[in-house]
N, C-alpha and C. Protein backbone atom coordinates (compact mmCIF):
# COMPACT_ATOMS: atom_id res chain seq x y z
N MET A 1 2.23 377.83 176.07
CA MET A 1 3.26 376.39 176.55
C MET A 1 1.57 375.61 177.28
N THR A 2 1.40 374.12 177.16
CA THR A 2 0.18 373.32 177.13
C THR A 2 0.47 372.58 178.02
N ASN A 3 -1.52 372.32 178.32
CA ASN A 3 -1.75 371.76 179.38
C ASN A 3 -1.34 370.73 179.24
N ALA A 4 -0.67 369.45 180.96
CA ALA A 4 -0.76 368.55 180.82
C ALA A 4 -1.62 368.08 180.84
N HIS A 5 -2.66 368.17 181.51
CA HIS A 5 -3.17 367.33 181.95
C HIS A 5 -5.20 367.98 181.06
N SER A 6 -4.94 368.52 180.81
CA SER A 6 -5.44 368.47 179.16
C SER A 6 -5.35 367.45 177.97
N ILE A 7 -4.10 367.62 177.76
CA ILE A 7 -3.77 367.04 176.67
C ILE A 7 -3.81 364.86 177.16
N LEU A 8 -3.75 364.88 178.58
CA LEU A 8 -4.28 363.66 179.40
C LEU A 8 -5.66 363.26 179.23
N LYS A 9 -6.41 364.30 179.28
CA LYS A 9 -8.28 364.63 179.00
C LYS A 9 -8.36 364.62 176.98
N GLU A 10 -7.31 364.76 176.10
CA GLU A 10 -7.71 364.61 175.15
C GLU A 10 -7.35 362.94 174.94
N VAL A 11 -5.80 362.82 174.96
CA VAL A 11 -5.28 360.89 174.51
C VAL A 11 -6.81 360.21 175.34
N GLU A 12 -7.15 360.36 176.77
CA GLU A 12 -8.19 359.29 177.17
C GLU A 12 -9.05 359.39 176.43
N SER A 13 -9.76 360.22 175.31
CA SER A 13 -11.42 360.42 174.44
C SER A 13 -10.83 359.79 172.74
N ILE A 14 -8.47 360.23 173.28
CA ILE A 14 -8.95 358.79 172.28
C ILE A 14 -8.70 357.45 172.33
N PHE A 15 -8.23 357.34 173.11
CA PHE A 15 -7.74 355.53 173.11
C PHE A 15 -9.42 355.17 173.74
N GLN A 16 -10.73 356.19 174.52
CA GLN A 16 -11.51 355.96 174.45
C GLN A 16 -12.33 355.32 172.50
N GLU A 17 -11.54 356.18 171.75
CA GLU A 17 -12.67 355.89 170.63
C GLU A 17 -11.36 354.81 169.72
N VAL A 18 -10.79 354.90 169.99
CA VAL A 18 -9.66 353.42 169.44
C VAL A 18 -10.07 352.80 170.02
N PHE A 19 -10.64 352.05 171.05
CA PHE A 19 -10.59 351.38 171.84
C PHE A 19 -12.45 350.36 171.81
N GLU A 20 -13.09 351.00 171.51
CA GLU A 20 -14.52 351.49 171.26
C GLU A 20 -14.16 350.49 172.37
N ASP A 21 -13.94 352.66 173.45
CA ASP A 21 -14.71 351.94 175.39
C ASP A 21 -14.96 353.04 175.88
N SER A 22 -16.27 353.62 175.96
CA SER A 22 -16.53 355.51 176.25
C SER A 22 -16.34 354.93 178.13
N THR A 23 -15.91 354.10 179.04
CA THR A 23 -15.40 354.14 180.03
C THR A 23 -14.41 354.35 180.59
N LEU A 24 -13.29 353.64 179.62
CA LEU A 24 -12.43 353.81 179.50
C LEU A 24 -12.00 355.09 180.30
N LYS A 25 -11.08 355.17 181.36
CA LYS A 25 -10.15 355.90 182.45
C LYS A 25 -8.55 355.97 182.27
N LEU A 26 -7.86 356.87 181.56
CA LEU A 26 -6.13 356.84 182.22
C LEU A 26 -5.94 357.77 183.17
N THR A 27 -4.44 356.91 183.91
CA THR A 27 -3.86 357.92 184.29
C THR A 27 -2.83 357.68 183.44
N GLU A 28 -1.68 358.64 183.75
CA GLU A 28 0.12 358.64 184.07
C GLU A 28 0.22 357.93 183.56
N ASN A 29 0.36 356.45 184.12
CA ASN A 29 0.59 355.44 184.62
C ASN A 29 0.47 353.82 184.71
N THR A 30 -1.35 354.49 183.49
CA THR A 30 -1.44 353.25 182.27
C THR A 30 -0.96 352.65 181.94
N THR A 31 -0.64 351.57 181.75
CA THR A 31 0.28 350.48 179.90
C THR A 31 -0.55 349.68 179.79
N ALA A 32 -0.02 349.20 178.51
CA ALA A 32 -0.87 348.35 177.87
C ALA A 32 -1.18 346.68 178.35
N HIS A 33 -0.26 347.06 179.13
CA HIS A 33 -0.96 345.69 180.35
C HIS A 33 -2.57 345.57 181.10
N ASP A 34 -3.03 347.35 181.44
CA ASP A 34 -4.08 347.25 181.82
C ASP A 34 -4.55 347.66 181.33
N ILE A 35 -4.22 347.14 179.88
CA ILE A 35 -6.09 347.80 178.40
C ILE A 35 -5.21 345.89 178.04
N ALA A 36 -6.91 345.42 178.28
CA ALA A 36 -6.27 343.48 177.32
C ALA A 36 -6.40 343.54 175.80
N GLU A 37 -7.08 344.85 175.62
CA GLU A 37 -7.03 345.22 173.55
C GLU A 37 -5.53 346.00 173.35
N TRP A 38 -4.84 345.89 173.90
CA TRP A 38 -4.03 346.86 173.66
C TRP A 38 -3.32 346.17 172.92
N ASP A 39 -2.58 345.51 172.24
CA ASP A 39 -1.30 345.03 171.37
C ASP A 39 -0.75 346.56 170.28
N SER A 40 0.13 345.57 169.73
CA SER A 40 1.43 345.99 168.76
C SER A 40 -0.10 346.44 167.72
N VAL A 41 -0.95 346.25 167.08
CA VAL A 41 -1.41 347.01 166.76
C VAL A 41 -2.14 347.31 166.36
N GLN A 42 -3.59 347.69 167.82
CA GLN A 42 -3.54 348.30 168.20
C GLN A 42 -2.68 350.06 168.89
N HIS A 43 -1.56 349.92 169.33
CA HIS A 43 -0.38 350.90 169.93
C HIS A 43 -0.65 351.22 168.47
N LEU A 44 -0.31 350.52 167.27
CA LEU A 44 -0.14 351.94 165.70
C LEU A 44 -1.48 352.74 165.31
N LEU A 45 -2.63 351.76 165.67
CA LEU A 45 -3.75 352.69 165.67
C LEU A 45 -4.48 354.06 165.80
N LEU A 46 -3.42 353.41 167.85
CA LEU A 46 -3.63 354.23 168.26
C LEU A 46 -2.60 355.32 168.50
N LEU A 47 -1.41 355.63 168.18
CA LEU A 47 -0.71 356.55 167.49
C LEU A 47 -1.03 357.10 166.30
N HIS A 48 -1.26 356.54 165.75
CA HIS A 48 -1.82 357.18 164.14
C HIS A 48 -2.80 358.11 164.38
N ALA A 49 -4.27 357.31 164.90
CA ALA A 49 -4.72 358.47 165.72
C ALA A 49 -4.97 359.60 166.12
N LEU A 50 -3.69 358.81 167.29
CA LEU A 50 -2.87 360.50 168.63
C LEU A 50 -2.27 361.56 166.92
N GLU A 51 -1.31 361.04 166.10
CA GLU A 51 -0.86 362.27 164.92
C GLU A 51 -1.65 362.71 164.54
N GLN A 52 -2.65 362.57 164.58
CA GLN A 52 -3.95 362.76 163.08
C GLN A 52 -4.92 364.06 164.25
N HIS A 53 -5.01 363.71 165.90
CA HIS A 53 -5.78 364.87 166.83
C HIS A 53 -4.56 365.63 166.57
N PHE A 54 -3.35 366.11 166.93
CA PHE A 54 -3.44 366.55 167.86
C PHE A 54 -2.11 366.64 166.24
N PHE A 55 -1.84 366.30 165.52
CA PHE A 55 -1.58 367.39 163.69
C PHE A 55 0.56 367.25 164.73
N ILE A 56 0.26 365.99 164.81
CA ILE A 56 2.28 365.82 164.73
C ILE A 56 2.62 364.85 164.37
N LYS A 57 3.98 364.40 164.64
CA LYS A 57 4.20 363.03 163.60
C LYS A 57 5.04 362.11 164.90
N PHE A 58 4.77 361.16 165.63
CA PHE A 58 6.11 359.89 166.50
C PHE A 58 7.13 359.84 165.51
N ALA A 59 8.22 359.45 165.96
CA ALA A 59 9.36 359.92 164.85
C ALA A 59 9.48 357.24 165.66
N LEU A 60 10.29 356.47 164.97
CA LEU A 60 9.46 355.18 164.90
C LEU A 60 10.53 355.24 166.41
N GLU A 61 11.29 355.66 167.39
CA GLU A 61 11.92 355.12 167.87
C GLU A 61 11.05 355.35 169.18
N GLU A 62 10.55 356.78 168.86
CA GLU A 62 9.14 357.09 169.46
C GLU A 62 8.36 356.03 170.69
N MET A 63 7.78 355.98 169.10
CA MET A 63 6.74 354.69 169.03
C MET A 63 6.28 353.75 170.28
N ILE A 64 8.46 353.21 169.52
CA ILE A 64 8.27 352.18 170.54
C ILE A 64 9.15 352.18 172.15
N SER A 65 9.89 353.42 172.28
CA SER A 65 9.83 353.24 173.73
C SER A 65 8.58 353.55 174.96
N PHE A 66 7.89 353.76 173.76
CA PHE A 66 6.87 354.33 175.36
C PHE A 66 6.53 353.43 175.86
N GLN A 67 6.34 353.46 177.43
CA GLN A 67 6.17 352.85 178.32
C GLN A 67 4.46 352.68 178.82
N ASN A 68 4.40 353.83 178.92
CA ASN A 68 3.06 354.54 179.53
C ASN A 68 2.58 355.37 179.41
N VAL A 69 1.05 355.66 179.49
CA VAL A 69 0.61 357.05 178.63
C VAL A 69 2.31 358.00 179.16
N ARG A 70 2.37 358.39 180.12
CA ARG A 70 3.09 359.85 180.47
C ARG A 70 4.01 359.92 179.62
N ASP A 71 5.00 358.64 178.79
CA ASP A 71 5.68 358.68 177.63
C ASP A 71 5.00 359.94 176.40
N ILE A 72 3.47 359.13 176.13
CA ILE A 72 3.04 358.97 175.19
C ILE A 72 2.03 361.10 175.58
N CYS A 73 1.47 361.54 176.79
CA CYS A 73 0.98 362.49 176.57
C CYS A 73 2.72 363.69 176.94
N GLY A 74 3.39 363.12 177.57
CA GLY A 74 4.88 363.94 177.19
C GLY A 74 5.93 364.70 176.28
N SER A 75 5.38 363.38 175.58
CA SER A 75 5.61 364.18 174.13
C SER A 75 4.86 364.38 173.38
N ILE A 76 3.83 364.70 173.38
CA ILE A 76 2.91 364.74 172.96
C ILE A 76 2.68 366.64 173.18
N LYS A 77 3.47 366.79 174.59
CA LYS A 77 3.34 367.90 175.17
C LYS A 77 4.56 368.62 174.21
N GLN A 78 6.12 367.92 173.80
CA GLN A 78 6.83 368.40 173.88
C GLN A 78 7.48 368.99 172.01
N LYS A 79 6.31 368.08 171.94
CA LYS A 79 5.61 368.62 170.37
C LYS A 79 4.72 370.62 169.83
N LEU A 80 3.45 370.13 171.03
CA LEU A 80 3.10 370.88 170.99
C LEU A 80 4.14 372.18 171.42
N ASP A 81 4.60 372.14 172.27
CA ASP A 81 4.82 373.52 172.39
C ASP A 81 6.19 373.58 172.13
N LYS A 82 6.84 373.30 170.69
CA LYS A 82 8.26 374.11 170.24
C LYS A 82 6.70 374.81 169.18
């Protein structure tokens, strides 16, 4: 069983790399509206980086449906727990 808190910390690290901002802090409620640079292109780059880091694959429907960091972390946790 994967720890949700540790996933959030790893996801935060990936966000910091992708957005080139080591001060970026995430909560489960963080959305694209909270990060100015988080546009559709950055969203794809971010999800690709997460797939590479966690050795998972997101379905297109998932990528489109993510509303916040909680959704992303939940999907990662579900995939890792399989």
